[in-house]
Amino acid sequence: MYYECNTENLVKNISVRLPDKILEDIDALVENGTYANRTDALRDAARLLLRSQYGILPGKPKEISKDEVWKEYLEDINE
């Protein structure tokens, strides 16, 4: 796995191998305008996974909308 630290907003780059079908589905979400790009889709997916598996944000429900995830992400990187 490859990591690169971006000290500007504390985001790391990683390499991920995905089956063709998953990548096609992600690309379809980008093409229909649900996400701006693959990165946004995968970032959202990671946040939803952590939220559903671990309830990482105390006091908030595990189920959350894409808009709420995006809002929290923007708040996180702007802190």
N, C-alpha and C. Protein backbone atom coordinates (compact mmCIF):
# COMPACT_ATOMS: atom_id res chain seq x y z
N MET A 1 0.84 -1.17 0.00
CA MET A 1 0.00 0.00 0.00
C MET A 1 0.89 1.23 0.00
N TYR A 2 0.49 2.25 -0.74
CA TYR A 2 1.26 3.48 -0.88
C TYR A 2 0.54 4.62 -0.15
N TYR A 3 1.28 5.30 0.71
CA TYR A 3 0.71 6.44 1.43
C TYR A 3 1.53 7.68 1.14
N GLU A 4 0.86 8.78 0.97
CA GLU A 4 1.54 10.07 0.81
C GLU A 4 0.79 11.08 1.67
N CYS A 5 1.48 11.72 2.57
CA CYS A 5 0.82 12.67 3.47
C CYS A 5 0.76 14.04 2.82
N ASN A 6 -0.42 14.60 2.79
CA ASN A 6 -0.64 15.95 2.30
C ASN A 6 -0.92 16.79 3.54
N THR A 7 0.06 17.54 4.00
CA THR A 7 -0.09 18.27 5.26
C THR A 7 -1.07 19.43 5.16
N GLU A 8 -1.44 19.83 3.93
CA GLU A 8 -2.39 20.92 3.77
C GLU A 8 -3.74 20.59 4.39
N ASN A 9 -4.26 19.39 4.10
CA ASN A 9 -5.57 19.03 4.65
C ASN A 9 -5.58 17.62 5.25
N LEU A 10 -4.41 17.07 5.53
CA LEU A 10 -4.25 15.79 6.19
C LEU A 10 -4.99 14.65 5.49
N VAL A 11 -4.84 14.57 4.17
CA VAL A 11 -5.41 13.50 3.37
C VAL A 11 -4.26 12.65 2.87
N LYS A 12 -4.45 11.33 2.91
CA LYS A 12 -3.42 10.42 2.42
C LYS A 12 -3.90 9.74 1.14
N ASN A 13 -2.97 9.51 0.23
CA ASN A 13 -3.27 8.78 -1.00
C ASN A 13 -3.00 7.30 -0.77
N ILE A 14 -3.89 6.45 -1.26
CA ILE A 14 -3.69 5.01 -1.19
C ILE A 14 -4.02 4.39 -2.53
N SER A 15 -3.47 3.22 -2.78
CA SER A 15 -3.82 2.45 -3.97
C SER A 15 -4.80 1.37 -3.56
N VAL A 16 -5.83 1.18 -4.38
CA VAL A 16 -6.85 0.18 -4.09
C VAL A 16 -7.10 -0.64 -5.34
N ARG A 17 -7.17 -1.95 -5.18
CA ARG A 17 -7.52 -2.83 -6.30
C ARG A 17 -8.96 -3.25 -6.13
N LEU A 18 -9.77 -3.03 -7.16
CA LEU A 18 -11.19 -3.35 -7.11
C LEU A 18 -11.57 -4.23 -8.29
N PRO A 19 -12.54 -5.10 -8.10
CA PRO A 19 -13.04 -5.89 -9.23
C PRO A 19 -13.64 -4.96 -10.29
N ASP A 20 -13.59 -5.39 -11.54
CA ASP A 20 -14.11 -4.58 -12.63
C ASP A 20 -15.54 -4.14 -12.40
N LYS A 21 -16.41 -5.02 -11.92
CA LYS A 21 -17.82 -4.71 -11.73
C LYS A 21 -18.00 -3.56 -10.74
N ILE A 22 -17.26 -3.58 -9.64
CA ILE A 22 -17.37 -2.50 -8.65
C ILE A 22 -16.92 -1.18 -9.27
N LEU A 23 -15.82 -1.22 -9.99
CA LEU A 23 -15.33 0.00 -10.63
C LEU A 23 -16.32 0.52 -11.66
N GLU A 24 -16.93 -0.38 -12.41
CA GLU A 24 -17.96 0.03 -13.38
C GLU A 24 -19.14 0.70 -12.67
N ASP A 25 -19.55 0.13 -11.54
CA ASP A 25 -20.66 0.71 -10.79
C ASP A 25 -20.29 2.09 -10.23
N ILE A 26 -19.07 2.23 -9.76
CA ILE A 26 -18.61 3.54 -9.26
C ILE A 26 -18.58 4.54 -10.41
N ASP A 27 -18.07 4.12 -11.55
CA ASP A 27 -18.02 5.00 -12.72
C ASP A 27 -19.43 5.43 -13.14
N ALA A 28 -20.40 4.53 -13.03
CA ALA A 28 -21.78 4.87 -13.37
C ALA A 28 -22.31 5.95 -12.44
N LEU A 29 -21.95 5.86 -11.15
CA LEU A 29 -22.37 6.90 -10.20
C LEU A 29 -21.76 8.25 -10.54
N VAL A 30 -20.53 8.22 -11.04
CA VAL A 30 -19.87 9.47 -11.45
C VAL A 30 -20.54 10.00 -12.72
N GLU A 31 -20.78 9.11 -13.67
CA GLU A 31 -21.39 9.53 -14.94
C GLU A 31 -22.78 10.12 -14.76
N ASN A 32 -23.56 9.57 -13.80
CA ASN A 32 -24.92 10.10 -13.63
C ASN A 32 -24.96 11.30 -12.69
N GLY A 33 -23.80 11.74 -12.21
CA GLY A 33 -23.73 12.96 -11.42
C GLY A 33 -23.91 12.78 -9.92
N THR A 34 -24.03 11.53 -9.46
CA THR A 34 -24.15 11.29 -8.02
C THR A 34 -22.88 11.75 -7.32
N TYR A 35 -21.73 11.50 -7.94
CA TYR A 35 -20.43 11.92 -7.40
C TYR A 35 -19.65 12.65 -8.48
N ALA A 36 -18.79 13.54 -8.06
CA ALA A 36 -17.97 14.31 -9.00
C ALA A 36 -16.88 13.44 -9.63
N ASN A 37 -16.39 12.47 -8.87
CA ASN A 37 -15.31 11.61 -9.36
C ASN A 37 -15.21 10.35 -8.51
N ARG A 38 -14.33 9.45 -8.91
CA ARG A 38 -14.16 8.18 -8.18
C ARG A 38 -13.72 8.42 -6.75
N THR A 39 -12.84 9.38 -6.55
CA THR A 39 -12.32 9.66 -5.21
C THR A 39 -13.44 10.02 -4.26
N ASP A 40 -14.32 10.90 -4.70
CA ASP A 40 -15.45 11.29 -3.84
C ASP A 40 -16.33 10.09 -3.50
N ALA A 41 -16.58 9.24 -4.49
CA ALA A 41 -17.41 8.06 -4.26
C ALA A 41 -16.76 7.11 -3.25
N LEU A 42 -15.47 6.85 -3.41
CA LEU A 42 -14.78 5.93 -2.51
C LEU A 42 -14.63 6.52 -1.11
N ARG A 43 -14.41 7.82 -1.03
CA ARG A 43 -14.30 8.48 0.28
C ARG A 43 -15.63 8.36 1.03
N ASP A 44 -16.72 8.59 0.31
CA ASP A 44 -18.05 8.47 0.88
C ASP A 44 -18.31 7.02 1.33
N ALA A 45 -17.92 6.07 0.49
CA ALA A 45 -18.10 4.66 0.83
C ALA A 45 -17.33 4.28 2.10
N ALA A 46 -16.11 4.78 2.23
CA ALA A 46 -15.31 4.49 3.42
C ALA A 46 -15.96 5.06 4.68
N ARG A 47 -16.47 6.28 4.58
CA ARG A 47 -17.12 6.90 5.74
C ARG A 47 -18.39 6.15 6.13
N LEU A 48 -19.17 5.74 5.12
CA LEU A 48 -20.38 4.97 5.41
C LEU A 48 -20.05 3.62 6.03
N LEU A 49 -18.99 2.97 5.55
CA LEU A 49 -18.57 1.69 6.13
C LEU A 49 -18.19 1.86 7.59
N LEU A 50 -17.36 2.83 7.88
CA LEU A 50 -16.94 3.04 9.27
C LEU A 50 -18.13 3.41 10.14
N ARG A 51 -19.02 4.23 9.62
CA ARG A 51 -20.20 4.63 10.37
C ARG A 51 -21.07 3.42 10.70
N SER A 52 -21.28 2.55 9.70
CA SER A 52 -22.18 1.41 9.91
C SER A 52 -21.52 0.32 10.76
N GLN A 53 -20.24 0.11 10.62
CA GLN A 53 -19.55 -0.96 11.35
C GLN A 53 -19.18 -0.58 12.77
N TYR A 54 -18.79 0.65 12.95
CA TYR A 54 -18.24 1.03 14.25
C TYR A 54 -18.99 2.15 14.95
N GLY A 55 -19.91 2.80 14.25
CA GLY A 55 -20.60 3.95 14.86
C GLY A 55 -19.59 4.95 15.37
N ILE A 56 -18.66 5.34 14.50
CA ILE A 56 -17.50 6.13 14.94
C ILE A 56 -17.82 7.53 15.42
N LEU A 57 -19.02 8.01 15.17
CA LEU A 57 -19.36 9.34 15.62
C LEU A 57 -20.37 9.22 16.74
N PRO A 58 -19.92 9.25 17.99
CA PRO A 58 -20.81 9.07 19.13
C PRO A 58 -21.99 10.03 19.11
N GLY A 59 -23.14 9.51 19.50
CA GLY A 59 -24.31 10.35 19.60
C GLY A 59 -25.04 10.57 18.29
N LYS A 60 -24.52 10.04 17.20
CA LYS A 60 -25.17 10.19 15.91
C LYS A 60 -25.63 8.81 15.43
N PRO A 61 -26.72 8.76 14.69
CA PRO A 61 -27.20 7.46 14.21
C PRO A 61 -26.21 6.83 13.25
N LYS A 62 -26.22 5.48 13.20
CA LYS A 62 -25.32 4.80 12.27
C LYS A 62 -25.74 5.02 10.82
N GLU A 63 -27.03 5.09 10.56
CA GLU A 63 -27.51 5.32 9.20
C GLU A 63 -27.45 6.81 8.93
N ILE A 64 -26.91 7.18 7.77
CA ILE A 64 -26.71 8.58 7.45
C ILE A 64 -26.82 8.76 5.94
N SER A 65 -27.32 9.89 5.51
CA SER A 65 -27.46 10.16 4.08
C SER A 65 -26.12 10.59 3.48
N LYS A 66 -26.02 10.47 2.16
CA LYS A 66 -24.83 10.91 1.45
C LYS A 66 -24.56 12.39 1.71
N ASP A 67 -25.61 13.20 1.73
CA ASP A 67 -25.44 14.64 1.98
C ASP A 67 -24.86 14.90 3.36
N GLU A 68 -25.31 14.13 4.36
CA GLU A 68 -24.79 14.30 5.71
C GLU A 68 -23.33 13.87 5.79
N VAL A 69 -22.99 12.77 5.10
CA VAL A 69 -21.59 12.31 5.07
C VAL A 69 -20.72 13.38 4.43
N TRP A 70 -21.17 13.93 3.32
CA TRP A 70 -20.39 14.95 2.63
C TRP A 70 -20.21 16.19 3.50
N LYS A 71 -21.27 16.62 4.17
CA LYS A 71 -21.19 17.77 5.05
C LYS A 71 -20.17 17.53 6.18
N GLU A 72 -20.23 16.34 6.78
CA GLU A 72 -19.28 16.01 7.85
C GLU A 72 -17.85 15.97 7.32
N TYR A 73 -17.67 15.44 6.12
CA TYR A 73 -16.34 15.39 5.52
C TYR A 73 -15.79 16.81 5.35
N LEU A 74 -16.60 17.69 4.78
CA LEU A 74 -16.15 19.06 4.58
C LEU A 74 -15.82 19.74 5.90
N GLU A 75 -16.62 19.48 6.91
CA GLU A 75 -16.33 20.04 8.23
C GLU A 75 -15.01 19.49 8.77
N ASP A 76 -14.78 18.19 8.58
CA ASP A 76 -13.55 17.56 9.07
C ASP A 76 -12.31 18.16 8.43
N ILE A 77 -12.33 18.38 7.11
CA ILE A 77 -11.12 18.88 6.45
C ILE A 77 -10.93 20.37 6.65
N ASN A 78 -11.97 21.06 7.06
CA ASN A 78 -11.84 22.50 7.28
C ASN A 78 -11.55 22.87 8.73
N GLU A 79 -11.42 21.89 9.60
CA GLU A 79 -11.13 22.18 11.02
C GLU A 79 -9.68 22.52 11.22
